[in-house]
C-alpha atoms as a PDB file:
ATOM      1  CA  MET A   1      99.943  82.929 175.673  1.00  0.00           C
ATOM      2  CA  GLU A   2     100.029  79.940 178.021  1.00  0.00           C
ATOM      3  CA  GLY A   3     103.087  78.252 176.492  1.00  0.00           C
ATOM      4  CA  PRO A   4     106.723  79.120 177.320  1.00  0.00           C
ATOM      5  CA  CYS A   5     107.401  80.249 173.758  1.00  0.00           C
ATOM      6  CA  ASN A   6     104.734  82.932 174.062  1.00  0.00           C
ATOM      7  CA  ARG A   7     105.772  84.367 177.425  1.00  0.00           C
ATOM      8  CA  ASP A   8     107.043  87.622 175.924  1.00  0.00           C
ATOM      9  CA  ILE A   9     103.783  88.066 174.058  1.00  0.00           C
ATOM     10  CA  ALA A  10     101.800  87.436 177.245  1.00  0.00           C
ATOM     11  CA  ILE A  11     103.840  90.046 179.111  1.00  0.00           C
ATOM     12  CA  SER A  12     103.356  92.608 176.346  1.00  0.00           C
ATOM     13  CA  VAL A  13      99.599  91.977 176.233  1.00  0.00           C
ATOM     14  CA  SER A  14      99.319  92.384 180.000  1.00  0.00           C
ATOM     15  CA  CYS A  15     100.936  95.814 179.684  1.00  0.00           C
ATOM     16  CA  VAL A  16      98.466  97.115 177.111  1.00  0.00           C
ATOM     17  CA  ASP A  17      96.486 100.178 178.154  1.00  0.00           C
ATOM     18  CA  TRP A  18      93.089  98.772 177.244  1.00  0.00           C
ATOM     19  CA  VAL A  19      91.224 101.975 178.022  1.00  0.00           C
ATOM     20  CA  SER A  20      93.428 103.914 175.608  1.00  0.00           C
ATOM     21  CA  LEU A  21      93.041 101.251 172.946  1.00  0.00           C
ATOM     22  CA  PHE A  22      89.277 101.270 173.459  1.00  0.00           C
ATOM     23  CA  GLU A  23      89.247 105.049 173.081  1.00  0.00           C
ATOM     24  CA  ALA A  24      91.411 104.810 169.950  1.00  0.00           C
ATOM     25  CA  MET A  25      88.859 102.451 168.369  1.00  0.00           C
ATOM     26  CA  HIS A  26      86.106 104.837 169.431  1.00  0.00           C
ATOM     27  CA  GLN A  27      87.867 107.728 167.703  1.00  0.00           C
ATOM     28  CA  ILE A  28      88.075 105.660 164.514  1.00  0.00           C
ATOM     29  CA  ILE A  29      84.297 105.217 164.661  1.00  0.00           C
ATOM     30  CA  VAL A  30      83.782 108.947 165.187  1.00  0.00           C
ATOM     31  CA  ARG A  31      86.038 109.954 162.302  1.00  0.00           C
ATOM     32  CA  ASN A  32      84.913 107.346 159.760  1.00  0.00           C
ATOM     33  CA  THR A  33      81.541 106.574 158.238  1.00  0.00           C
ATOM     34  CA  GLU A  34      82.587 103.572 156.137  1.00  0.00           C
ATOM     35  CA  GLU A  35      80.767 100.469 157.279  1.00  0.00           C
ATOM     36  CA  CYS A  36      83.745  98.122 157.023  1.00  0.00           C
ATOM     37  CA  VAL A  37      85.996 100.436 159.073  1.00  0.00           C
ATOM     38  CA  ARG A  38      83.396 100.920 161.780  1.00  0.00           C
ATOM     39  CA  LEU A  39      82.708  97.201 161.859  1.00  0.00           C
ATOM     40  CA  GLU A  40      86.340  96.361 162.581  1.00  0.00           C
ATOM     41  CA  ALA A  41      86.670  99.075 165.225  1.00  0.00           C
ATOM     42  CA  VAL A  42      83.509  97.991 167.053  1.00  0.00           C
ATOM     43  CA  SER A  43      84.722  94.375 166.914  1.00  0.00           C
ATOM     44  CA  VAL A  44      87.899  95.350 168.734  1.00  0.00           C
ATOM     45  CA  MET A  45      85.902  97.293 171.323  1.00  0.00           C
ATOM     46  CA  ILE A  46      83.760  94.205 171.927  1.00  0.00           C
ATOM     47  CA  VAL A  47      86.827  92.019 172.443  1.00  0.00           C
ATOM     48  CA  ILE A  48      88.241  94.520 174.945  1.00  0.00           C
ATOM     49  CA  LEU A  49      84.993  94.596 176.919  1.00  0.00           C
ATOM     50  CA  MET A  50      84.703  90.805 176.898  1.00  0.00           C
ATOM     51  CA  ARG A  51      88.136  90.438 178.512  1.00  0.00           C
ATOM     52  CA  SER A  52      87.324  92.997 181.215  1.00  0.00           C
ATOM     53  CA  ASN A  53      85.684  92.279 184.563  1.00  0.00           C
ATOM     54  CA  ALA A  54      82.085  93.498 184.455  1.00  0.00           C
ATOM     55  CA  TYR A  55      82.060  94.433 188.148  1.00  0.00           C
ATOM     56  CA  MET A  56      85.538  95.864 188.639  1.00  0.00           C
ATOM     57  CA  GLU A  57      86.846  97.151 185.290  1.00  0.00           C
ATOM     58  CA  ARG A  58      84.139  97.746 182.741  1.00  0.00           C
ATOM     59  CA  GLU A  59      82.859 100.995 184.225  1.00  0.00           C
ATOM     60  CA  LYS A  60      85.886 102.918 182.970  1.00  0.00           C
ATOM     61  CA  PHE A  61      84.957 102.117 179.347  1.00  0.00           C
ATOM     62  CA  GLY A  62      81.459 103.619 179.575  1.00  0.00           C
ATOM     63  CA  LYS A  63      82.144 107.288 178.954  1.00  0.00           C
ATOM     64  CA  ALA A  64      79.355 109.564 177.792  1.00  0.00           C
ATOM     65  CA  THR A  65      80.972 109.944 174.368  1.00  0.00           C
ATOM     66  CA  VAL A  66      80.789 106.179 173.846  1.00  0.00           C
ATOM     67  CA  PHE A  67      77.022 106.172 174.369  1.00  0.00           C
ATOM     68  CA  GLU A  68      76.703 109.123 172.004  1.00  0.00           C
ATOM     69  CA  SER A  69      78.520 107.173 169.301  1.00  0.00           C
ATOM     70  CA  LEU A  70      76.487 104.050 170.048  1.00  0.00           C
ATOM     71  CA  SER A  71      73.328 105.964 169.248  1.00  0.00           C
ATOM     72  CA  GLN A  72      74.664 106.504 165.717  1.00  0.00           C
ATOM     73  CA  LEU A  73      75.852 102.916 165.275  1.00  0.00           C
ATOM     74  CA  LEU A  74      72.436 101.569 166.247  1.00  0.00           C
ATOM     75  CA  ARG A  75      70.571 103.559 163.598  1.00  0.00           C
ATOM     76  CA  LYS A  76      69.661 101.925 160.309  1.00  0.00           C
ATOM     77  CA  GLU A  77      71.928 104.310 158.403  1.00  0.00           C
ATOM     78  CA  ALA A  78      74.956 102.545 159.936  1.00  0.00           C
ATOM     79  CA  GLY A  79      74.187  99.270 158.176  1.00  0.00           C
ATOM     80  CA  LEU A  80      72.955  95.909 159.429  1.00  0.00           C
ATOM     81  CA  ARG A  81      76.339  94.442 160.371  1.00  0.00           C
ATOM     82  CA  VAL A  82      77.352  97.532 162.311  1.00  0.00           C
ATOM     83  CA  GLN A  83      73.963  97.585 164.053  1.00  0.00           C
ATOM     84  CA  ARG A  84      74.375  93.970 165.170  1.00  0.00           C
ATOM     85  CA  HIS A  85      77.807  94.664 166.622  1.00  0.00           C
ATOM     86  CA  ALA A  86      76.553  97.867 168.257  1.00  0.00           C
ATOM     87  CA  VAL A  87      73.765  95.931 169.990  1.00  0.00           C
ATOM     88  CA  HIS A  88      76.387  93.500 171.301  1.00  0.00           C
ATOM     89  CA  LEU A  89      78.548  96.391 172.489  1.00  0.00           C
ATOM     90  CA  LEU A  90      75.589  97.978 174.274  1.00  0.00           C
ATOM     91  CA  TYR A  91      74.748  94.672 175.946  1.00  0.00           C
ATOM     92  CA  LEU A  92      78.295  94.321 177.277  1.00  0.00           C
ATOM     93  CA  LEU A  93      78.310  97.888 178.614  1.00  0.00           C
ATOM     94  CA  LEU A  94      74.963  97.392 180.341  1.00  0.00           C
ATOM     95  CA  ASN A  95      76.272  94.210 181.952  1.00  0.00           C
ATOM     96  CA  CYS A  96      78.318  96.486 184.185  1.00  0.00           C
ATOM     97  CA  PRO A  97      76.077  97.194 187.222  1.00  0.00           C
ATOM     98  CA  LYS A  98      77.219 100.809 187.603  1.00  0.00           C
ATOM     99  CA  LEU A  99      76.767 101.563 183.906  1.00  0.00           C
ATOM    100  CA  LEU A 100      73.354  99.870 183.956  1.00  0.00           C
ATOM    101  CA  VAL A 101      72.206 102.065 186.837  1.00  0.00           C
ATOM    102  CA  MET A 102      73.554 105.154 185.107  1.00  0.00           C
ATOM    103  CA  PHE A 103      71.853 104.266 181.833  1.00  0.00           C
ATOM    104  CA  CYS A 104      68.461 103.407 183.332  1.00  0.00           C
ATOM    105  CA  SER A 105      68.457 106.398 185.660  1.00  0.00           C
ATOM    106  CA  GLY A 106      69.414 108.749 182.848  1.00  0.00           C
ATOM    107  CA  SER A 107      66.844 107.221 180.498  1.00  0.00           C
ATOM    108  CA  ASN A 108      64.055 107.671 183.025  1.00  0.00           C
ATOM    109  CA  GLU A 109      64.876 111.089 184.384  1.00  0.00           C
ATOM    110  CA  GLY A 110      61.906 113.343 184.965  1.00  0.00           C
ATOM    111  CA  GLY A 111      58.787 111.173 185.061  1.00  0.00           C
ATOM    112  CA  THR A 112      56.861 108.204 186.394  1.00  0.00           C
ATOM    113  CA  ALA A 113      56.001 104.876 184.840  1.00  0.00           C
ATOM    114  CA  ALA A 114      53.304 104.681 182.176  1.00  0.00           C
ATOM    115  CA  VAL A 115      53.271 108.482 181.786  1.00  0.00           C
ATOM    116  CA  PRO A 116      54.897 109.694 178.542  1.00  0.00           C
ATOM    117  CA  VAL A 117      57.446 112.439 179.085  1.00  0.00           C
ATOM    118  CA  ASP A 118      59.126 114.946 176.843  1.00  0.00           C
ATOM    119  CA  ASP A 119      62.340 113.509 175.456  1.00  0.00           C
ATOM    120  CA  ASP A 120      64.043 116.846 176.195  1.00  0.00           C
ATOM    121  CA  ALA A 121      63.714 116.036 179.900  1.00  0.00           C
ATOM    122  CA  ARG A 122      66.237 113.208 179.528  1.00  0.00           C
ATOM    123  CA  PRO A 123      69.929 113.244 178.629  1.00  0.00           C
ATOM    124  CA  GLN A 124      70.087 113.095 174.853  1.00  0.00           C
ATOM    125  CA  LYS A 125      72.865 110.501 174.784  1.00  0.00           C
ATOM    126  CA  PHE A 126      70.564 107.995 176.472  1.00  0.00           C
ATOM    127  CA  ILE A 127      67.342 108.771 174.647  1.00  0.00           C
ATOM    128  CA  LYS A 128      69.189 108.531 171.329  1.00  0.00           C
ATOM    129  CA  VAL A 129      70.549 105.111 172.292  1.00  0.00           C
ATOM    130  CA  LEU A 130      66.991 103.993 173.007  1.00  0.00           C
ATOM    131  CA  GLN A 131      65.862 105.404 169.658  1.00  0.00           C
ATOM    132  CA  GLY A 132      68.654 103.478 167.960  1.00  0.00           C
ATOM    133  CA  LEU A 133      67.646 100.302 169.781  1.00  0.00           C
ATOM    134  CA  ALA A 134      64.083 100.895 168.598  1.00  0.00           C
ATOM    135  CA  ASP A 135      65.445 101.138 165.042  1.00  0.00           C
ATOM    136  CA  CYS A 136      66.963  97.670 165.502  1.00  0.00           C
ATOM    137  CA  VAL A 137      63.711  96.161 166.806  1.00  0.00           C
ATOM    138  CA  ALA A 138      61.720  97.700 163.955  1.00  0.00           C
ATOM    139  CA  CYS A 139      64.253  97.089 161.170  1.00  0.00           C
ATOM    140  CA  SER A 140      62.759  96.143 157.819  1.00  0.00           C
ATOM    141  CA  GLY A 141      63.621  93.038 155.866  1.00  0.00           C
ATOM    142  CA  ASN A 142      63.197  89.312 156.469  1.00  0.00           C
ATOM    143  CA  GLY A 143      66.681  87.962 155.895  1.00  0.00           C
ATOM    144  CA  ILE A 144      68.739  86.114 158.487  1.00  0.00           C
ATOM    145  CA  GLN A 145      70.686  89.257 159.394  1.00  0.00           C
ATOM    146  CA  GLU A 146      67.515  91.276 159.987  1.00  0.00           C
ATOM    147  CA  LEU A 147      65.930  88.502 162.073  1.00  0.00           C
ATOM    148  CA  THR A 148      69.090  88.154 164.140  1.00  0.00           C
ATOM    149  CA  LEU A 149      69.296  91.902 164.691  1.00  0.00           C
ATOM    150  CA  ARG A 150      65.691  92.034 165.919  1.00  0.00           C
ATOM    151  CA  ARG A 151      66.246  89.076 168.216  1.00  0.00           C
ATOM    152  CA  ASN A 152      69.449  90.523 169.695  1.00  0.00           C
ATOM    153  CA  ALA A 153      67.782  93.897 170.284  1.00  0.00           C
ATOM    154  CA  ILE A 154      64.897  92.192 172.085  1.00  0.00           C
ATOM    155  CA  THR A 155      67.440  90.300 174.201  1.00  0.00           C
ATOM    156  CA  VAL A 156      68.895  93.628 175.347  1.00  0.00           C
ATOM    157  CA  LEU A 157      65.390  94.855 176.170  1.00  0.00           C
ATOM    158  CA  ALA A 158      64.756  91.674 178.152  1.00  0.00           C
ATOM    159  CA  PHE A 159      67.924  92.336 180.114  1.00  0.00           C
ATOM    160  CA  LEU A 160      66.726  95.864 180.881  1.00  0.00           C
ATOM    161  CA  ALA A 161      63.320  94.538 181.920  1.00  0.00           C
ATOM    162  CA  SER A 162      64.956  92.190 184.427  1.00  0.00           C
ATOM    163  CA  SER A 163      67.071  94.953 185.976  1.00  0.00           C
ATOM    164  CA  GLY A 164      64.317  96.403 188.171  1.00  0.00           C
ATOM    165  CA  LYS A 165      61.971  99.363 188.089  1.00  0.00           C
ATOM    166  CA  PRO A 166      64.214 101.815 186.146  1.00  0.00           C
ATOM    167  CA  GLY A 167      64.711  99.256 183.375  1.00  0.00           C
ATOM    168  CA  PHE A 168      61.036  98.342 183.316  1.00  0.00           C
ATOM    169  CA  GLU A 169      59.955 101.979 182.981  1.00  0.00           C
ATOM    170  CA  ILE A 170      61.833 102.240 179.699  1.00  0.00           C
ATOM    171  CA  PHE A 171      59.140 100.031 178.145  1.00  0.00           C
ATOM    172  CA  VAL A 172      56.169 102.151 179.067  1.00  0.00           C
ATOM    173  CA  ARG A 173      57.361 105.739 179.292  1.00  0.00           C
ATOM    174  CA  SER A 174      58.257 107.443 176.055  1.00  0.00           C
ATOM    175  CA  LYS A 175      57.278 106.989 172.451  1.00  0.00           C
ATOM    176  CA  LEU A 176      60.529 106.255 170.688  1.00  0.00           C
ATOM    177  CA  TYR A 177      59.842 105.092 167.140  1.00  0.00           C
ATOM    178  CA  ARG A 178      57.039 106.483 164.996  1.00  0.00           C
ATOM    179  CA  GLU A 179      55.054 107.322 168.127  1.00  0.00           C
ATOM    180  CA  ALA A 180      55.330 103.737 169.442  1.00  0.00           C
ATOM    181  CA  ASN A 181      56.824 102.497 172.701  1.00  0.00           C
ATOM    182  CA  PHE A 182      58.877  99.315 172.975  1.00  0.00           C
ATOM    183  CA  ILE A 183      55.888  97.165 173.911  1.00  0.00           C
ATOM    184  CA  MET A 184      54.027  98.161 170.746  1.00  0.00           C
ATOM    185  CA  LEU A 185      57.156  97.594 168.640  1.00  0.00           C
ATOM    186  CA  ILE A 186      57.487  94.058 169.999  1.00  0.00           C
ATOM    187  CA  LEU A 187      53.824  93.352 169.279  1.00  0.00           C
ATOM    188  CA  GLN A 188      54.241  94.649 165.727  1.00  0.00           C
ATOM    189  CA  VAL A 189      57.294  92.425 165.229  1.00  0.00           C
ATOM    190  CA  LEU A 190      55.349  89.374 166.403  1.00  0.00           C
ATOM    191  CA  VAL A 191      52.394  90.104 164.107  1.00  0.00           C
ATOM    192  CA  SER A 192      54.738  90.564 161.156  1.00  0.00           C
ATOM    193  CA  GLU A 193      56.552  87.280 161.795  1.00  0.00           C
ATOM    194  CA  ILE A 194      53.284  85.384 162.280  1.00  0.00           C
ATOM    195  CA  ASP A 195      51.934  86.796 158.997  1.00  0.00           C
ATOM    196  CA  ILE A 196      55.067  85.754 157.131  1.00  0.00           C
ATOM    197  CA  GLU A 197      54.973  82.209 158.508  1.00  0.00           C
ATOM    198  CA  GLU A 198      51.285  81.767 157.797  1.00  0.00           C
ATOM    199  CA  THR A 199      51.778  83.057 154.252  1.00  0.00           C
ATOM    200  CA  ALA A 200      54.545  80.508 153.715  1.00  0.00           C
ATOM    201  CA  VAL A 201      52.324  77.753 155.050  1.00  0.00           C
ATOM    202  CA  CYS A 202      49.440  78.757 152.771  1.00  0.00           C
ATOM    203  CA  VAL A 203      51.463  78.840 149.552  1.00  0.00           C
ATOM    204  CA  GLU A 204      53.341  75.576 150.137  1.00  0.00           C
ATOM    205  CA  SER A 205      52.069  72.065 150.502  1.00  0.00           C
ATOM    206  CA  PRO A 206      53.235  70.108 153.553  1.00  0.00           C
ATOM    207  CA  GLU A 207      55.358  67.868 151.305  1.00  0.00           C
ATOM    208  CA  ILE A 208      57.226  70.812 149.775  1.00  0.00           C
ATOM    209  CA  PHE A 209      57.722  72.435 153.184  1.00  0.00           C
ATOM    210  CA  LYS A 210      59.009  69.157 154.634  1.00  0.00           C
ATOM    211  CA  GLU A 211      61.428  68.711 151.741  1.00  0.00           C
ATOM    212  CA  ARG A 212      62.833  72.208 152.217  1.00  0.00           C
ATOM    213  CA  CYS A 213      63.192  71.722 155.983  1.00  0.00           C
ATOM    214  CA  VAL A 214      65.037  68.421 155.592  1.00  0.00           C
ATOM    215  CA  ASN A 215      67.238  69.119 152.600  1.00  0.00           C
ATOM    216  CA  VAL A 216      68.093  72.812 152.746  1.00  0.00           C
ATOM    217  CA  ASN A 217      70.262  73.831 155.693  1.00  0.00           C
ATOM    218  CA  LEU A 218      69.804  77.526 155.005  1.00  0.00           C
ATOM    219  CA  THR A 219      66.035  77.221 155.159  1.00  0.00           C
ATOM    220  CA  GLU A 220      66.242  75.303 158.421  1.00  0.00           C
ATOM    221  CA  HIS A 221      68.543  77.947 159.865  1.00  0.00           C
ATOM    222  CA  PHE A 222      66.217  80.692 158.676  1.00  0.00           C
ATOM    223  CA  LEU A 223      63.214  79.062 160.343  1.00  0.00           C
ATOM    224  CA  LYS A 224      65.197  78.482 163.516  1.00  0.00           C
ATOM    225  CA  ILE A 225      66.188  82.149 163.763  1.00  0.00           C
ATOM    226  CA  ARG A 226      62.581  83.264 163.249  1.00  0.00           C
ATOM    227  CA  THR A 227      61.394  80.805 165.900  1.00  0.00           C
ATOM    228  CA  LEU A 228      64.023  82.044 168.346  1.00  0.00           C
ATOM    229  CA  LEU A 229      62.956  85.634 167.666  1.00  0.00           C
ATOM    230  CA  ILE A 230      59.309  84.832 168.423  1.00  0.00           C
ATOM    231  CA  ARG A 231      60.378  82.861 171.495  1.00  0.00           C
ATOM    232  CA  GLU A 232      62.462  85.741 172.906  1.00  0.00           C
ATOM    233  CA  ALA A 233      59.635  88.209 172.344  1.00  0.00           C
ATOM    234  CA  LEU A 234      57.098  85.973 174.088  1.00  0.00           C
ATOM    235  CA  ILE A 235      59.426  85.322 177.016  1.00  0.00           C
ATOM    236  CA  LEU A 236      59.868  89.068 177.435  1.00  0.00           C
ATOM    237  CA  LEU A 237      56.121  89.749 177.273  1.00  0.00           C
ATOM    238  CA  ASN A 238      55.412  86.962 179.780  1.00  0.00           C
ATOM    239  CA  ARG A 239      58.085  88.321 182.082  1.00  0.00           C
ATOM    240  CA  LEU A 240      56.438  91.729 181.992  1.00  0.00           C
ATOM    241  CA  VAL A 241      52.854  90.544 182.522  1.00  0.00           C
ATOM    242  CA  SER A 242      53.901  88.095 185.266  1.00  0.00           C
ATOM    243  CA  ASN A 243      55.922  90.450 187.434  1.00  0.00           C
ATOM    244  CA  PRO A 244      53.947  91.176 190.630  1.00  0.00           C
ATOM    245  CA  ALA A 245      55.157  94.771 190.739  1.00  0.00           C
ATOM    246  CA  TYR A 246      54.648  95.675 187.063  1.00  0.00           C
ATOM    247  CA  SER A 247      52.018  93.336 185.600  1.00  0.00           C
ATOM    248  CA  VAL A 248      49.039  95.642 186.137  1.00  0.00           C
ATOM    249  CA  THR A 249      50.823  98.548 184.469  1.00  0.00           C
ATOM    250  CA  VAL A 250      51.938  96.420 181.512  1.00  0.00           C
ATOM    251  CA  LEU A 251      48.507  94.848 181.032  1.00  0.00           C
ATOM    252  CA  TRP A 252      46.993  98.316 181.132  1.00  0.00           C
ATOM    253  CA  VAL A 253      49.399  99.456 178.414  1.00  0.00           C
ATOM    254  CA  LEU A 254      48.639  96.329 176.352  1.00  0.00           C
ATOM    255  CA  THR A 255      44.877  96.889 176.445  1.00  0.00           C
ATOM    256  CA  ASN A 256      44.388 100.619 177.028  1.00  0.00           C
ATOM    257  CA  SER A 257      43.967 101.640 173.393  1.00  0.00           C
ATOM    258  CA  ARG A 258      42.085  99.938 170.570  1.00  0.00           C
ATOM    259  CA  ASP A 259      45.250  99.434 168.499  1.00  0.00           C
ATOM    260  CA  MET A 260      47.226  97.918 171.371  1.00  0.00           C
ATOM    261  CA  ALA A 261      44.349  95.699 172.508  1.00  0.00           C
ATOM    262  CA  SER A 262      43.788  94.481 168.943  1.00  0.00           C
ATOM    263  CA  LEU A 263      47.467  93.584 168.506  1.00  0.00           C
ATOM    264  CA  THR A 264      47.655  91.910 171.901  1.00  0.00           C
ATOM    265  CA  ILE A 265      44.572  89.737 171.436  1.00  0.00           C
ATOM    266  CA  ASP A 266      45.543  88.869 167.845  1.00  0.00           C
ATOM    267  CA  ILE A 267      48.985  87.651 168.929  1.00  0.00           C
ATOM    268  CA  ALA A 268      47.752  85.823 172.021  1.00  0.00           C
ATOM    269  CA  THR A 269      45.129  83.984 169.982  1.00  0.00           C
ATOM    270  CA  ARG A 270      47.048  83.144 166.811  1.00  0.00           C
ATOM    271  CA  LEU A 271      50.185  81.910 168.555  1.00  0.00           C
ATOM    272  CA  SER A 272      48.083  79.720 170.853  1.00  0.00           C
ATOM    273  CA  TRP A 273      46.918  77.580 167.925  1.00  0.00           C
ATOM    274  CA  GLU A 274      48.314  74.108 167.416  1.00  0.00           C
ATOM    275  CA  TYR A 275      50.610  74.014 164.389  1.00  0.00           C
ATOM    276  CA  GLN A 276      50.458  70.270 163.919  1.00  0.00           C
ATOM    277  CA  ARG A 277      47.358  70.658 161.794  1.00  0.00           C
ATOM    278  CA  HIS A 278      49.533  72.255 159.102  1.00  0.00           C
ATOM    279  CA  GLY A 279      51.319  68.925 158.690  1.00  0.00           C
ATOM    280  CA  HIS A 280      54.786  70.222 159.608  1.00  0.00           C
ATOM    281  CA  SER A 281      55.172  68.715 163.063  1.00  0.00           C
ATOM    282  CA  ASP A 282      58.159  66.595 162.057  1.00  0.00           C
ATOM    283  CA  CYS A 283      60.277  69.654 161.185  1.00  0.00           C
ATOM    284  CA  ILE A 284      62.669  70.609 164.006  1.00  0.00           C
ATOM    285  CA  THR A 285      61.523  74.212 164.206  1.00  0.00           C
ATOM    286  CA  ARG A 286      57.872  73.140 164.212  1.00  0.00           C
ATOM    287  CA  GLN A 287      58.537  70.740 167.084  1.00  0.00           C
ATOM    288  CA  MET A 288      60.124  73.592 168.978  1.00  0.00           C
ATOM    289  CA  ARG A 289      57.102  75.774 168.210  1.00  0.00           C
ATOM    290  CA  GLU A 290      54.707  73.098 169.420  1.00  0.00           C
ATOM    291  CA  SER A 291      56.536  72.384 172.648  1.00  0.00           C
ATOM    292  CA  GLU A 292      57.480  75.916 173.688  1.00  0.00           C
ATOM    293  CA  ILE A 293      56.116  78.759 171.566  1.00  0.00           C
ATOM    294  CA  VAL A 294      52.517  77.612 171.878  1.00  0.00           C
ATOM    295  CA  ASN A 295      52.875  77.112 175.626  1.00  0.00           C
ATOM    296  CA  LEU A 296      54.373  80.579 176.049  1.00  0.00           C
ATOM    297  CA  ALA A 297      51.567  82.068 173.957  1.00  0.00           C
ATOM    298  CA  ARG A 298      48.921  80.304 176.031  1.00  0.00           C
ATOM    299  CA  VAL A 299      50.373  81.676 179.268  1.00  0.00           C
ATOM    300  CA  PHE A 300      50.369  85.162 177.767  1.00  0.00           C
ATOM    301  CA  ARG A 301      46.817  84.712 176.450  1.00  0.00           C
ATOM    302  CA  LYS A 302      45.535  83.540 179.814  1.00  0.00           C
ATOM    303  CA  ARG A 303      46.983  86.528 181.661  1.00  0.00           C
ATOM    304  CA  VAL A 304      45.651  89.015 179.106  1.00  0.00           C
ATOM    305  CA  PHE A 305      42.150  87.519 178.998  1.00  0.00           C
ATOM    306  CA  THR A 306      42.021  87.192 182.775  1.00  0.00           C
ATOM    307  CA  TYR A 307      42.884  90.869 183.047  1.00  0.00           C
ATOM    308  CA  LEU A 308      40.104  91.654 180.580  1.00  0.00           C
ATOM    309  CA  GLY A 309      37.646  89.696 182.705  1.00  0.00           C
ATOM    310  CA  HIS A 310      37.442  86.413 180.795  1.00  0.00           C
ATOM    311  CA  ASN A 311      37.910  82.935 182.238  1.00  0.00           C
ATOM    312  CA  ILE A 312      40.392  80.811 180.315  1.00  0.00           C
ATOM    313  CA  SER A 313      40.541  77.157 181.321  1.00  0.00           C
END
């Protein structure tokens, strides 16, 4: 497009009605249920959003019908690849300030923080998107695609949490997935990943683990994705419990019930342990865990235990 030979192509591209093309891709998604067709259509929608200006242009792509379709693409029935692309599409839409305000305001209509409200009190297109996002956080399976999907969904939640009070309230208001809010879902994800890693450590000797880390790229990539998932979840939890305006509410949610308090303390304690004693400190992902994951867990543990009345040195 920059060269003289491609000038005609550049002119033709500049004349494209991107909104109409975006809507055409959306109609393909509505009319088709095949995973491969939806995947291609969502990919085009993502490219269109990425070339648009988030502050000046992107708002015109965020019609109500798009959010309604997103709620379907985020559900597990759509398939893992479609879910991953749908999470990316949602993230790009929410990166538009006006769409973010609209989404958060619509998602939180009719209640106050930390008080569960009837889902009927909120526009269905938004609550269904949140339910779909909860599906992504709680997706089953331990492959690379599932780990990546969970991490990307948590990244979107972290973005919402950093957007101010309306975004924060999404975490503590309604029960979205099997009677759990987003905070409980994140805790459950962390416990599951910790269990899986500890099981792997128990059944393998340090020599075998080291050999797999060094010689098998896929294994190294797998461990890296899991570490990044745990890291993103801990960063989000620390952001919530450290915010001067929201920390008390979040800590109350984390410790108000026996189930939540048990999960919170279990995670804060287990992730605070040193992993060098397992003999895997020379593996790249273990070094990352030692230097960052453990530190993040200790900060989280200190804030939780301080709230509960304990003194952590």
